[in-house]
Amino acid sequence: MRIRSVTLALGICLAAAPAAYAAVDLGGPPVRAMTAEESAAHAIWLLRAGLNVSALQCQFSPYLATVRNYNQMLKQHQPELARAYQTLEKHFRRLDGKAGPRTFDSFTTRVYNSFSALEAQRSFCTAAGEVGREALSWSPGNLGGQAVTAVQRLRAALIAPPDPYRQYQLGYVVLPRIPDPCIDKRGKPIKRCNV
């Protein structure tokens, strides 16, 4: 009886932990009907995508070490990343059947694009450098436990801080009409222009 209650309690704890992922909006493209396990894999995959984009966009600063951190994170957390990939791949196959791999590929492209940081590159790169360093301090197997807050930090950094020196002027400039030198005032062609 005791073994059964311990097993039941452990099962409840394991089932409840990934459920936290489903309740949190991590930004990016919407995902349909995810189980708790798929939501956890989604958080890990978003973290991987965000750090991958930072490795490409943030190479201007060797201090941030985004490329080195990303490559080391891939090695250190490889089993967990592989499981997340397989889980998401199964998710799209479950929902879309034969079109699942194509849908997953399209989803992955949208995820990467969602981390594009044109206006907020400096804040995104700074956050990605910090998150990348922290990811290396997480022991293997703990990536999933940290992914939600790490992705939230990356998403928050994508919002451009206000620039006090930028002035936005919305409107149109009306240019004066420039007359055609080969048309007279009545709208007829001038003979000297006919060559």
N, C-alpha and C. Protein backbone atom coordinates (compact mmCIF):
# COMPACT_ATOMS: atom_id res chain seq x y z
N MET A 1 0.81 -1.19 0.00
CA MET A 1 0.00 0.00 0.00
C MET A 1 0.86 1.26 0.00
N ARG A 2 1.96 1.21 0.77
CA ARG A 2 2.84 2.37 0.86
C ARG A 2 3.49 2.67 -0.49
N ILE A 3 3.93 1.65 -1.20
CA ILE A 3 4.57 1.85 -2.51
C ILE A 3 3.58 2.47 -3.48
N ARG A 4 2.33 2.03 -3.41
CA ARG A 4 1.33 2.57 -4.33
C ARG A 4 1.10 4.07 -4.06
N SER A 5 1.04 4.48 -2.77
CA SER A 5 0.81 5.89 -2.45
C SER A 5 2.00 6.75 -2.85
N VAL A 6 3.22 6.24 -2.67
CA VAL A 6 4.41 6.98 -3.10
C VAL A 6 4.42 7.11 -4.62
N THR A 7 4.09 6.03 -5.33
CA THR A 7 4.04 6.08 -6.78
C THR A 7 2.98 7.04 -7.25
N LEU A 8 1.82 7.02 -6.60
CA LEU A 8 0.74 7.93 -6.96
C LEU A 8 1.16 9.38 -6.72
N ALA A 9 1.79 9.65 -5.57
CA ALA A 9 2.23 11.01 -5.26
C ALA A 9 3.29 11.48 -6.26
N LEU A 10 4.22 10.61 -6.61
CA LEU A 10 5.25 10.96 -7.58
C LEU A 10 4.62 11.24 -8.95
N GLY A 11 3.65 10.43 -9.34
CA GLY A 11 2.97 10.64 -10.61
C GLY A 11 2.24 11.95 -10.65
N ILE A 12 1.61 12.33 -9.53
CA ILE A 12 0.91 13.62 -9.47
C ILE A 12 1.89 14.76 -9.58
N CYS A 13 3.03 14.66 -8.89
CA CYS A 13 4.05 15.72 -8.98
C CYS A 13 4.58 15.86 -10.39
N LEU A 14 4.88 14.76 -11.04
CA LEU A 14 5.41 14.81 -12.39
C LEU A 14 4.38 15.33 -13.38
N ALA A 15 3.13 14.99 -13.18
CA ALA A 15 2.08 15.46 -14.07
C ALA A 15 1.80 16.94 -13.86
N ALA A 16 1.92 17.41 -12.62
CA ALA A 16 1.60 18.80 -12.32
C ALA A 16 2.70 19.76 -12.76
N ALA A 17 3.94 19.32 -12.74
CA ALA A 17 5.05 20.22 -13.09
C ALA A 17 4.94 20.76 -14.51
N PRO A 18 4.78 19.93 -15.54
CA PRO A 18 4.68 20.48 -16.88
C PRO A 18 3.40 21.26 -17.12
N ALA A 19 2.37 21.09 -16.30
CA ALA A 19 1.12 21.83 -16.52
C ALA A 19 1.33 23.32 -16.39
N ALA A 20 2.35 23.74 -15.65
CA ALA A 20 2.65 25.16 -15.51
C ALA A 20 3.01 25.78 -16.86
N TYR A 21 3.57 24.98 -17.74
CA TYR A 21 3.94 25.49 -19.05
C TYR A 21 2.71 25.91 -19.85
N ALA A 22 1.64 25.14 -19.74
CA ALA A 22 0.45 25.39 -20.54
C ALA A 22 -0.22 26.70 -20.16
N ALA A 23 -0.10 27.11 -18.90
CA ALA A 23 -0.78 28.30 -18.42
C ALA A 23 -0.03 29.58 -18.78
N VAL A 24 1.19 29.49 -19.24
CA VAL A 24 2.02 30.66 -19.49
C VAL A 24 2.09 30.93 -20.98
N ASP A 25 1.85 32.19 -21.36
CA ASP A 25 1.98 32.58 -22.76
C ASP A 25 3.45 32.93 -23.01
N LEU A 26 4.08 32.19 -23.89
CA LEU A 26 5.50 32.41 -24.16
C LEU A 26 5.73 33.21 -25.44
N GLY A 27 4.69 33.74 -26.03
CA GLY A 27 4.83 34.52 -27.25
C GLY A 27 5.11 33.63 -28.44
N GLY A 28 5.33 34.26 -29.57
CA GLY A 28 5.59 33.50 -30.78
C GLY A 28 4.30 33.01 -31.42
N PRO A 29 4.42 32.16 -32.42
CA PRO A 29 3.23 31.68 -33.11
C PRO A 29 2.37 30.80 -32.20
N PRO A 30 1.05 30.86 -32.35
CA PRO A 30 0.18 30.05 -31.50
C PRO A 30 0.32 28.56 -31.82
N VAL A 31 0.13 27.75 -30.81
CA VAL A 31 0.21 26.30 -30.96
C VAL A 31 -1.11 25.70 -30.48
N ARG A 32 -1.63 24.76 -31.24
CA ARG A 32 -2.94 24.18 -30.95
C ARG A 32 -2.83 22.97 -30.04
N ALA A 33 -3.81 22.81 -29.17
CA ALA A 33 -4.09 21.60 -28.41
C ALA A 33 -2.85 20.85 -27.93
N MET A 34 -2.06 21.49 -27.08
CA MET A 34 -0.85 20.85 -26.56
C MET A 34 -1.12 20.15 -25.24
N THR A 35 -0.52 19.00 -25.09
CA THR A 35 -0.53 18.32 -23.81
C THR A 35 0.49 18.99 -22.91
N ALA A 36 0.53 18.61 -21.64
CA ALA A 36 1.50 19.19 -20.70
C ALA A 36 2.93 18.88 -21.15
N GLU A 37 3.16 17.66 -21.61
CA GLU A 37 4.50 17.28 -22.08
C GLU A 37 4.89 18.09 -23.31
N GLU A 38 3.95 18.30 -24.21
CA GLU A 38 4.23 19.08 -25.42
C GLU A 38 4.46 20.55 -25.09
N SER A 39 3.75 21.07 -24.08
CA SER A 39 3.97 22.46 -23.65
C SER A 39 5.37 22.64 -23.08
N ALA A 40 5.83 21.65 -22.32
CA ALA A 40 7.18 21.71 -21.76
C ALA A 40 8.21 21.67 -22.89
N ALA A 41 7.99 20.81 -23.88
CA ALA A 41 8.89 20.73 -25.03
C ALA A 41 8.86 22.03 -25.82
N HIS A 42 7.69 22.64 -25.91
CA HIS A 42 7.55 23.92 -26.61
C HIS A 42 8.40 25.00 -25.95
N ALA A 43 8.38 25.07 -24.62
CA ALA A 43 9.18 26.05 -23.89
C ALA A 43 10.67 25.84 -24.15
N ILE A 44 11.10 24.59 -24.13
CA ILE A 44 12.51 24.27 -24.40
C ILE A 44 12.86 24.67 -25.82
N TRP A 45 11.98 24.38 -26.76
CA TRP A 45 12.25 24.69 -28.17
C TRP A 45 12.31 26.19 -28.40
N LEU A 46 11.45 26.95 -27.72
CA LEU A 46 11.50 28.41 -27.84
C LEU A 46 12.81 28.96 -27.29
N LEU A 47 13.26 28.40 -26.18
CA LEU A 47 14.54 28.84 -25.61
C LEU A 47 15.67 28.57 -26.58
N ARG A 48 15.69 27.38 -27.15
CA ARG A 48 16.72 27.03 -28.13
C ARG A 48 16.68 27.99 -29.32
N ALA A 49 15.49 28.27 -29.82
CA ALA A 49 15.34 29.16 -30.98
C ALA A 49 15.81 30.58 -30.64
N GLY A 50 15.43 31.07 -29.46
CA GLY A 50 15.85 32.41 -29.07
C GLY A 50 17.36 32.54 -28.96
N LEU A 51 17.99 31.52 -28.38
CA LEU A 51 19.46 31.57 -28.26
C LEU A 51 20.13 31.37 -29.62
N ASN A 52 19.50 30.60 -30.50
CA ASN A 52 20.04 30.43 -31.85
C ASN A 52 20.00 31.75 -32.61
N VAL A 53 18.87 32.45 -32.53
CA VAL A 53 18.75 33.75 -33.20
C VAL A 53 19.77 34.73 -32.62
N SER A 54 19.95 34.69 -31.31
CA SER A 54 20.93 35.60 -30.70
C SER A 54 22.34 35.28 -31.16
N ALA A 55 22.64 34.00 -31.38
CA ALA A 55 23.97 33.64 -31.87
C ALA A 55 24.21 34.24 -33.26
N LEU A 56 23.16 34.39 -34.03
CA LEU A 56 23.29 34.97 -35.37
C LEU A 56 23.26 36.49 -35.34
N GLN A 57 22.39 37.08 -34.53
CA GLN A 57 22.19 38.52 -34.54
C GLN A 57 23.16 39.29 -33.64
N CYS A 58 23.77 38.64 -32.69
CA CYS A 58 24.52 39.36 -31.66
C CYS A 58 26.02 39.13 -31.74
N GLN A 59 26.51 38.78 -32.89
CA GLN A 59 27.94 38.52 -33.04
C GLN A 59 28.76 39.81 -32.98
N PHE A 60 28.10 40.95 -33.01
CA PHE A 60 28.82 42.23 -32.98
C PHE A 60 29.53 42.44 -31.65
N SER A 61 29.12 41.71 -30.61
CA SER A 61 29.72 41.88 -29.29
C SER A 61 30.37 40.58 -28.81
N PRO A 62 31.68 40.49 -28.89
CA PRO A 62 32.35 39.29 -28.38
C PRO A 62 32.14 39.11 -26.88
N TYR A 63 31.90 40.19 -26.17
CA TYR A 63 31.69 40.12 -24.72
C TYR A 63 30.47 39.27 -24.38
N LEU A 64 29.40 39.36 -25.18
CA LEU A 64 28.17 38.60 -24.90
C LEU A 64 28.36 37.11 -25.12
N ALA A 65 29.28 36.72 -25.97
CA ALA A 65 29.62 35.32 -26.24
C ALA A 65 28.41 34.48 -26.61
N THR A 66 27.51 35.06 -27.40
CA THR A 66 26.27 34.34 -27.72
C THR A 66 26.52 33.10 -28.56
N VAL A 67 27.49 33.15 -29.46
CA VAL A 67 27.78 31.98 -30.30
C VAL A 67 28.36 30.85 -29.46
N ARG A 68 29.36 31.18 -28.65
CA ARG A 68 29.99 30.18 -27.79
C ARG A 68 28.99 29.59 -26.80
N ASN A 69 28.20 30.45 -26.17
CA ASN A 69 27.21 29.97 -25.20
C ASN A 69 26.18 29.06 -25.86
N TYR A 70 25.71 29.44 -27.05
CA TYR A 70 24.71 28.64 -27.75
C TYR A 70 25.28 27.26 -28.11
N ASN A 71 26.49 27.24 -28.66
CA ASN A 71 27.10 25.96 -29.05
C ASN A 71 27.35 25.06 -27.84
N GLN A 72 27.80 25.64 -26.73
CA GLN A 72 28.02 24.84 -25.53
C GLN A 72 26.70 24.37 -24.92
N MET A 73 25.67 25.22 -25.00
CA MET A 73 24.35 24.82 -24.49
C MET A 73 23.82 23.63 -25.30
N LEU A 74 24.04 23.64 -26.61
CA LEU A 74 23.59 22.51 -27.45
C LEU A 74 24.25 21.21 -27.00
N LYS A 75 25.54 21.27 -26.70
CA LYS A 75 26.25 20.07 -26.25
C LYS A 75 25.79 19.62 -24.87
N GLN A 76 25.70 20.58 -23.96
CA GLN A 76 25.39 20.26 -22.57
C GLN A 76 23.97 19.71 -22.40
N HIS A 77 23.02 20.25 -23.15
CA HIS A 77 21.61 19.88 -22.98
C HIS A 77 21.08 19.09 -24.17
N GLN A 78 21.95 18.43 -24.91
CA GLN A 78 21.57 17.74 -26.14
C GLN A 78 20.45 16.72 -25.95
N PRO A 79 20.48 15.85 -24.93
CA PRO A 79 19.39 14.87 -24.78
C PRO A 79 18.02 15.53 -24.57
N GLU A 80 18.00 16.58 -23.76
CA GLU A 80 16.74 17.27 -23.50
C GLU A 80 16.23 18.00 -24.74
N LEU A 81 17.14 18.59 -25.50
CA LEU A 81 16.75 19.27 -26.74
C LEU A 81 16.23 18.27 -27.77
N ALA A 82 16.87 17.11 -27.85
CA ALA A 82 16.43 16.08 -28.79
C ALA A 82 15.04 15.57 -28.42
N ARG A 83 14.78 15.38 -27.12
CA ARG A 83 13.45 14.94 -26.68
C ARG A 83 12.39 16.00 -27.01
N ALA A 84 12.75 17.27 -26.81
CA ALA A 84 11.80 18.35 -27.11
C ALA A 84 11.46 18.36 -28.59
N TYR A 85 12.47 18.19 -29.42
CA TYR A 85 12.25 18.15 -30.87
C TYR A 85 11.33 16.98 -31.25
N GLN A 86 11.63 15.81 -30.73
CA GLN A 86 10.81 14.63 -31.04
C GLN A 86 9.37 14.80 -30.55
N THR A 87 9.21 15.39 -29.38
CA THR A 87 7.87 15.60 -28.83
C THR A 87 7.07 16.56 -29.70
N LEU A 88 7.71 17.64 -30.13
CA LEU A 88 7.00 18.60 -30.98
C LEU A 88 6.70 18.01 -32.36
N GLU A 89 7.63 17.23 -32.87
CA GLU A 89 7.40 16.57 -34.16
C GLU A 89 6.19 15.63 -34.07
N LYS A 90 6.08 14.88 -32.98
CA LYS A 90 4.93 13.99 -32.78
C LYS A 90 3.64 14.79 -32.62
N HIS A 91 3.75 15.95 -31.96
CA HIS A 91 2.58 16.81 -31.77
C HIS A 91 1.99 17.21 -33.13
N PHE A 92 2.84 17.64 -34.03
CA PHE A 92 2.35 18.09 -35.33
C PHE A 92 1.87 16.91 -36.18
N ARG A 93 2.48 15.77 -36.03
CA ARG A 93 1.99 14.57 -36.74
C ARG A 93 0.62 14.16 -36.20
N ARG A 94 0.47 14.25 -34.89
CA ARG A 94 -0.81 13.89 -34.27
C ARG A 94 -1.93 14.79 -34.79
N LEU A 95 -1.65 16.08 -34.93
CA LEU A 95 -2.69 17.02 -35.35
C LEU A 95 -2.88 17.09 -36.86
N ASP A 96 -1.78 16.96 -37.61
CA ASP A 96 -1.84 17.22 -39.05
C ASP A 96 -1.56 16.01 -39.91
N GLY A 97 -1.35 14.86 -39.32
CA GLY A 97 -1.13 13.64 -40.09
C GLY A 97 0.11 13.73 -40.98
N LYS A 98 -0.06 13.39 -42.25
CA LYS A 98 1.07 13.39 -43.19
C LYS A 98 1.65 14.79 -43.40
N ALA A 99 0.84 15.82 -43.24
CA ALA A 99 1.32 17.19 -43.41
C ALA A 99 2.07 17.68 -42.16
N GLY A 100 2.14 16.85 -41.12
CA GLY A 100 2.79 17.24 -39.87
C GLY A 100 4.20 17.77 -40.01
N PRO A 101 5.11 17.06 -40.74
CA PRO A 101 6.47 17.58 -40.87
C PRO A 101 6.53 18.95 -41.55
N ARG A 102 5.69 19.15 -42.54
CA ARG A 102 5.66 20.45 -43.23
C ARG A 102 5.12 21.54 -42.29
N THR A 103 4.09 21.20 -41.53
CA THR A 103 3.53 22.15 -40.57
C THR A 103 4.54 22.48 -39.48
N PHE A 104 5.27 21.47 -39.02
CA PHE A 104 6.30 21.69 -38.00
C PHE A 104 7.41 22.58 -38.53
N ASP A 105 7.80 22.38 -39.77
CA ASP A 105 8.82 23.21 -40.39
C ASP A 105 8.35 24.66 -40.49
N SER A 106 7.12 24.86 -40.90
CA SER A 106 6.55 26.20 -40.99
C SER A 106 6.47 26.85 -39.61
N PHE A 107 6.07 26.07 -38.62
CA PHE A 107 6.00 26.56 -37.25
C PHE A 107 7.38 26.99 -36.76
N THR A 108 8.39 26.16 -37.01
CA THR A 108 9.75 26.47 -36.58
C THR A 108 10.24 27.76 -37.22
N THR A 109 9.94 27.97 -38.49
CA THR A 109 10.33 29.21 -39.18
C THR A 109 9.68 30.41 -38.50
N ARG A 110 8.40 30.29 -38.18
CA ARG A 110 7.70 31.40 -37.51
C ARG A 110 8.28 31.65 -36.12
N VAL A 111 8.68 30.59 -35.43
CA VAL A 111 9.29 30.75 -34.10
C VAL A 111 10.58 31.55 -34.22
N TYR A 112 11.43 31.18 -35.16
CA TYR A 112 12.69 31.91 -35.34
C TYR A 112 12.43 33.36 -35.71
N ASN A 113 11.48 33.60 -36.59
CA ASN A 113 11.16 34.97 -36.99
C ASN A 113 10.60 35.78 -35.83
N SER A 114 9.94 35.13 -34.89
CA SER A 114 9.36 35.85 -33.76
C SER A 114 10.43 36.41 -32.83
N PHE A 115 11.66 35.96 -32.95
CA PHE A 115 12.76 36.48 -32.14
C PHE A 115 13.57 37.54 -32.88
N SER A 116 13.11 37.96 -34.03
CA SER A 116 13.81 38.99 -34.78
C SER A 116 13.78 40.29 -33.99
N ALA A 117 14.92 40.92 -33.85
CA ALA A 117 15.02 42.11 -32.99
C ALA A 117 15.64 43.28 -33.74
N LEU A 118 14.86 43.91 -34.58
CA LEU A 118 15.39 45.04 -35.34
C LEU A 118 15.52 46.26 -34.45
N GLU A 119 14.43 46.68 -33.84
CA GLU A 119 14.43 47.90 -33.03
C GLU A 119 15.03 47.68 -31.64
N ALA A 120 15.02 46.45 -31.16
CA ALA A 120 15.45 46.17 -29.79
C ALA A 120 16.67 45.26 -29.76
N GLN A 121 17.52 45.36 -30.75
CA GLN A 121 18.65 44.43 -30.85
C GLN A 121 19.56 44.50 -29.63
N ARG A 122 19.86 45.68 -29.17
CA ARG A 122 20.78 45.81 -28.04
C ARG A 122 20.21 45.16 -26.78
N SER A 123 18.94 45.43 -26.47
CA SER A 123 18.36 44.84 -25.25
C SER A 123 18.19 43.34 -25.40
N PHE A 124 17.80 42.88 -26.61
CA PHE A 124 17.65 41.44 -26.84
C PHE A 124 19.00 40.73 -26.71
N CYS A 125 20.03 41.29 -27.29
CA CYS A 125 21.35 40.65 -27.23
C CYS A 125 21.89 40.61 -25.81
N THR A 126 21.65 41.66 -25.06
CA THR A 126 22.09 41.68 -23.66
C THR A 126 21.39 40.58 -22.87
N ALA A 127 20.07 40.49 -23.04
CA ALA A 127 19.31 39.45 -22.33
C ALA A 127 19.74 38.06 -22.77
N ALA A 128 19.95 37.88 -24.08
CA ALA A 128 20.35 36.57 -24.61
C ALA A 128 21.73 36.17 -24.10
N GLY A 129 22.63 37.14 -23.96
CA GLY A 129 23.94 36.85 -23.41
C GLY A 129 23.83 36.35 -21.97
N GLU A 130 22.97 37.00 -21.19
CA GLU A 130 22.78 36.59 -19.80
C GLU A 130 22.13 35.21 -19.71
N VAL A 131 21.06 35.02 -20.50
CA VAL A 131 20.35 33.74 -20.48
C VAL A 131 21.27 32.61 -20.95
N GLY A 132 22.07 32.87 -21.99
CA GLY A 132 22.99 31.85 -22.49
C GLY A 132 24.01 31.43 -21.44
N ARG A 133 24.54 32.41 -20.70
CA ARG A 133 25.49 32.09 -19.62
C ARG A 133 24.81 31.28 -18.52
N GLU A 134 23.59 31.69 -18.18
CA GLU A 134 22.86 30.97 -17.13
C GLU A 134 22.53 29.54 -17.56
N ALA A 135 22.19 29.36 -18.84
CA ALA A 135 21.85 28.01 -19.34
C ALA A 135 23.02 27.06 -19.16
N LEU A 136 24.22 27.57 -19.22
CA LEU A 136 25.40 26.72 -19.03
C LEU A 136 25.59 26.34 -17.56
N SER A 137 24.99 27.10 -16.65
CA SER A 137 25.10 26.77 -15.23
C SER A 137 24.03 25.77 -14.79
N TRP A 138 23.00 25.57 -15.64
CA TRP A 138 21.95 24.61 -15.30
C TRP A 138 22.46 23.21 -15.57
N SER A 139 22.26 22.33 -14.62
CA SER A 139 22.74 20.96 -14.81
C SER A 139 21.93 20.27 -15.91
N PRO A 140 22.54 19.33 -16.61
CA PRO A 140 21.82 18.62 -17.67
C PRO A 140 20.53 18.00 -17.13
N GLY A 141 19.47 18.16 -17.88
CA GLY A 141 18.16 17.67 -17.47
C GLY A 141 17.29 18.73 -16.81
N ASN A 142 17.86 19.89 -16.51
CA ASN A 142 17.10 20.96 -15.86
C ASN A 142 16.74 22.10 -16.81
N LEU A 143 16.95 21.92 -18.07
CA LEU A 143 16.64 22.97 -19.05
C LEU A 143 15.15 23.28 -19.05
N GLY A 144 14.33 22.24 -18.98
CA GLY A 144 12.89 22.43 -19.00
C GLY A 144 12.37 23.23 -17.82
N GLY A 145 12.98 23.05 -16.68
CA GLY A 145 12.56 23.78 -15.49
C GLY A 145 12.86 25.26 -15.55
N GLN A 146 13.82 25.64 -16.34
CA GLN A 146 14.24 27.04 -16.44
C GLN A 146 13.73 27.72 -17.71
N ALA A 147 13.24 26.95 -18.66
CA ALA A 147 12.93 27.47 -20.00
C ALA A 147 11.86 28.54 -19.99
N VAL A 148 10.82 28.38 -19.20
CA VAL A 148 9.71 29.34 -19.22
C VAL A 148 10.18 30.73 -18.84
N THR A 149 10.87 30.85 -17.70
CA THR A 149 11.31 32.18 -17.27
C THR A 149 12.38 32.74 -18.21
N ALA A 150 13.23 31.88 -18.76
CA ALA A 150 14.26 32.35 -19.69
C ALA A 150 13.62 32.89 -20.97
N VAL A 151 12.61 32.20 -21.50
CA VAL A 151 11.93 32.68 -22.71
C VAL A 151 11.19 33.97 -22.42
N GLN A 152 10.58 34.08 -21.26
CA GLN A 152 9.90 35.32 -20.90
C GLN A 152 10.87 36.49 -20.86
N ARG A 153 12.07 36.27 -20.36
CA ARG A 153 13.08 37.33 -20.33
C ARG A 153 13.50 37.73 -21.74
N LEU A 154 13.67 36.73 -22.63
CA LEU A 154 14.03 37.03 -24.01
C LEU A 154 12.91 37.82 -24.69
N ARG A 155 11.67 37.41 -24.49
CA ARG A 155 10.52 38.11 -25.09
C ARG A 155 10.43 39.55 -24.58
N ALA A 156 10.62 39.73 -23.28
CA ALA A 156 10.55 41.08 -22.71
C ALA A 156 11.63 41.99 -23.29
N ALA A 157 12.76 41.42 -23.62
CA ALA A 157 13.86 42.21 -24.18
C ALA A 157 13.61 42.60 -25.64
N LEU A 158 12.63 41.98 -26.29
CA LEU A 158 12.32 42.31 -27.68
C LEU A 158 11.52 43.61 -27.81
N ILE A 159 11.05 44.14 -26.70
CA ILE A 159 10.30 45.39 -26.73
C ILE A 159 11.32 46.52 -26.67
N ALA A 160 11.34 47.32 -27.72
CA ALA A 160 12.34 48.38 -27.82
C ALA A 160 12.11 49.43 -26.73
N PRO A 161 13.18 49.82 -26.04
CA PRO A 161 13.03 50.90 -25.07
C PRO A 161 12.78 52.21 -25.80
N PRO A 162 12.08 53.14 -25.18
CA PRO A 162 11.82 54.41 -25.87
C PRO A 162 13.12 55.16 -26.13
N ASP A 163 13.20 55.75 -27.28
CA ASP A 163 14.39 56.52 -27.66
C ASP A 163 14.03 58.00 -27.60
N PRO A 164 14.59 58.72 -26.63
CA PRO A 164 14.21 60.13 -26.48
C PRO A 164 14.69 61.00 -27.64
N TYR A 165 15.62 60.51 -28.42
CA TYR A 165 16.18 61.33 -29.50
C TYR A 165 15.47 61.09 -30.83
N ARG A 166 14.64 60.06 -30.89
CA ARG A 166 13.95 59.77 -32.14
C ARG A 166 12.66 60.57 -32.18
N GLN A 167 12.47 61.26 -33.27
CA GLN A 167 11.25 62.02 -33.44
C GLN A 167 10.46 61.40 -34.57
N TYR A 168 9.24 61.05 -34.27
CA TYR A 168 8.37 60.47 -35.28
C TYR A 168 7.49 61.57 -35.84
N GLN A 169 7.48 61.70 -37.14
CA GLN A 169 6.58 62.62 -37.79
C GLN A 169 5.80 61.83 -38.82
N LEU A 170 4.55 61.67 -38.53
CA LEU A 170 3.71 60.96 -39.46
C LEU A 170 2.98 61.98 -40.32
N GLY A 171 2.97 61.76 -41.56
CA GLY A 171 2.31 62.68 -42.48
C GLY A 171 2.95 62.56 -43.86
N TYR A 172 2.45 63.38 -44.74
CA TYR A 172 2.93 63.32 -46.11
C TYR A 172 3.47 64.68 -46.51
N VAL A 173 4.46 64.66 -47.35
CA VAL A 173 5.01 65.89 -47.91
C VAL A 173 4.41 66.06 -49.29
N VAL A 174 3.81 67.20 -49.52
CA VAL A 174 3.23 67.48 -50.83
C VAL A 174 4.28 68.19 -51.66
N LEU A 175 4.66 67.56 -52.75
CA LEU A 175 5.65 68.15 -53.64
C LEU A 175 4.95 69.01 -54.69
N PRO A 176 5.56 70.14 -55.07
CA PRO A 176 4.94 70.96 -56.11
C PRO A 176 4.98 70.24 -57.45
N ARG A 177 4.01 70.53 -58.29
CA ARG A 177 3.96 69.92 -59.60
C ARG A 177 5.07 70.49 -60.45
N ILE A 178 5.83 69.62 -61.08
CA ILE A 178 6.92 70.05 -61.96
C ILE A 178 6.42 69.92 -63.39
N PRO A 179 6.37 71.05 -64.10
CA PRO A 179 5.83 70.99 -65.47
C PRO A 179 6.78 70.26 -66.42
N ASP A 180 6.19 69.57 -67.38
CA ASP A 180 6.96 68.87 -68.41
C ASP A 180 7.45 69.92 -69.41
N PRO A 181 8.77 70.02 -69.66
CA PRO A 181 9.28 71.05 -70.57
C PRO A 181 8.89 70.82 -72.03
N CYS A 182 8.40 69.64 -72.34
CA CYS A 182 8.03 69.36 -73.73
C CYS A 182 6.52 69.43 -73.97
N ILE A 183 5.75 69.93 -73.01
CA ILE A 183 4.31 70.10 -73.15
C ILE A 183 4.00 71.57 -72.88
N ASP A 184 3.21 72.20 -73.77
CA ASP A 184 2.86 73.61 -73.55
C ASP A 184 1.72 73.72 -72.56
N LYS A 185 1.30 74.96 -72.28
CA LYS A 185 0.28 75.21 -71.27
C LYS A 185 -1.08 74.61 -71.64
N ARG A 186 -1.33 74.41 -72.91
CA ARG A 186 -2.60 73.84 -73.35
C ARG A 186 -2.55 72.30 -73.36
N GLY A 187 -1.39 71.71 -73.03
CA GLY A 187 -1.27 70.25 -72.98
C GLY A 187 -0.83 69.63 -74.29
N LYS A 188 -0.37 70.45 -75.24
CA LYS A 188 0.06 69.93 -76.54
C LYS A 188 1.59 69.84 -76.58
N PRO A 189 2.12 68.84 -77.31
CA PRO A 189 3.60 68.70 -77.41
C PRO A 189 4.24 69.89 -78.14
N ILE A 190 5.42 70.23 -77.67
CA ILE A 190 6.20 71.30 -78.30
C ILE A 190 7.06 70.69 -79.39
N LYS A 191 7.13 71.35 -80.57
CA LYS A 191 7.82 70.80 -81.73
C LYS A 191 9.32 70.64 -81.49
N ARG A 192 9.94 71.52 -80.74
CA ARG A 192 11.41 71.44 -80.55
C ARG A 192 11.82 70.20 -79.76
N CYS A 193 10.89 69.58 -79.01
CA CYS A 193 11.20 68.37 -78.25
C CYS A 193 11.12 67.13 -79.09
N ASN A 194 10.47 67.16 -80.24
CA ASN A 194 10.35 65.98 -81.09
C ASN A 194 11.69 65.74 -81.80
N VAL A 195 12.37 64.80 -81.39
CA VAL A 195 13.68 64.50 -82.00
C VAL A 195 13.62 63.20 -82.74
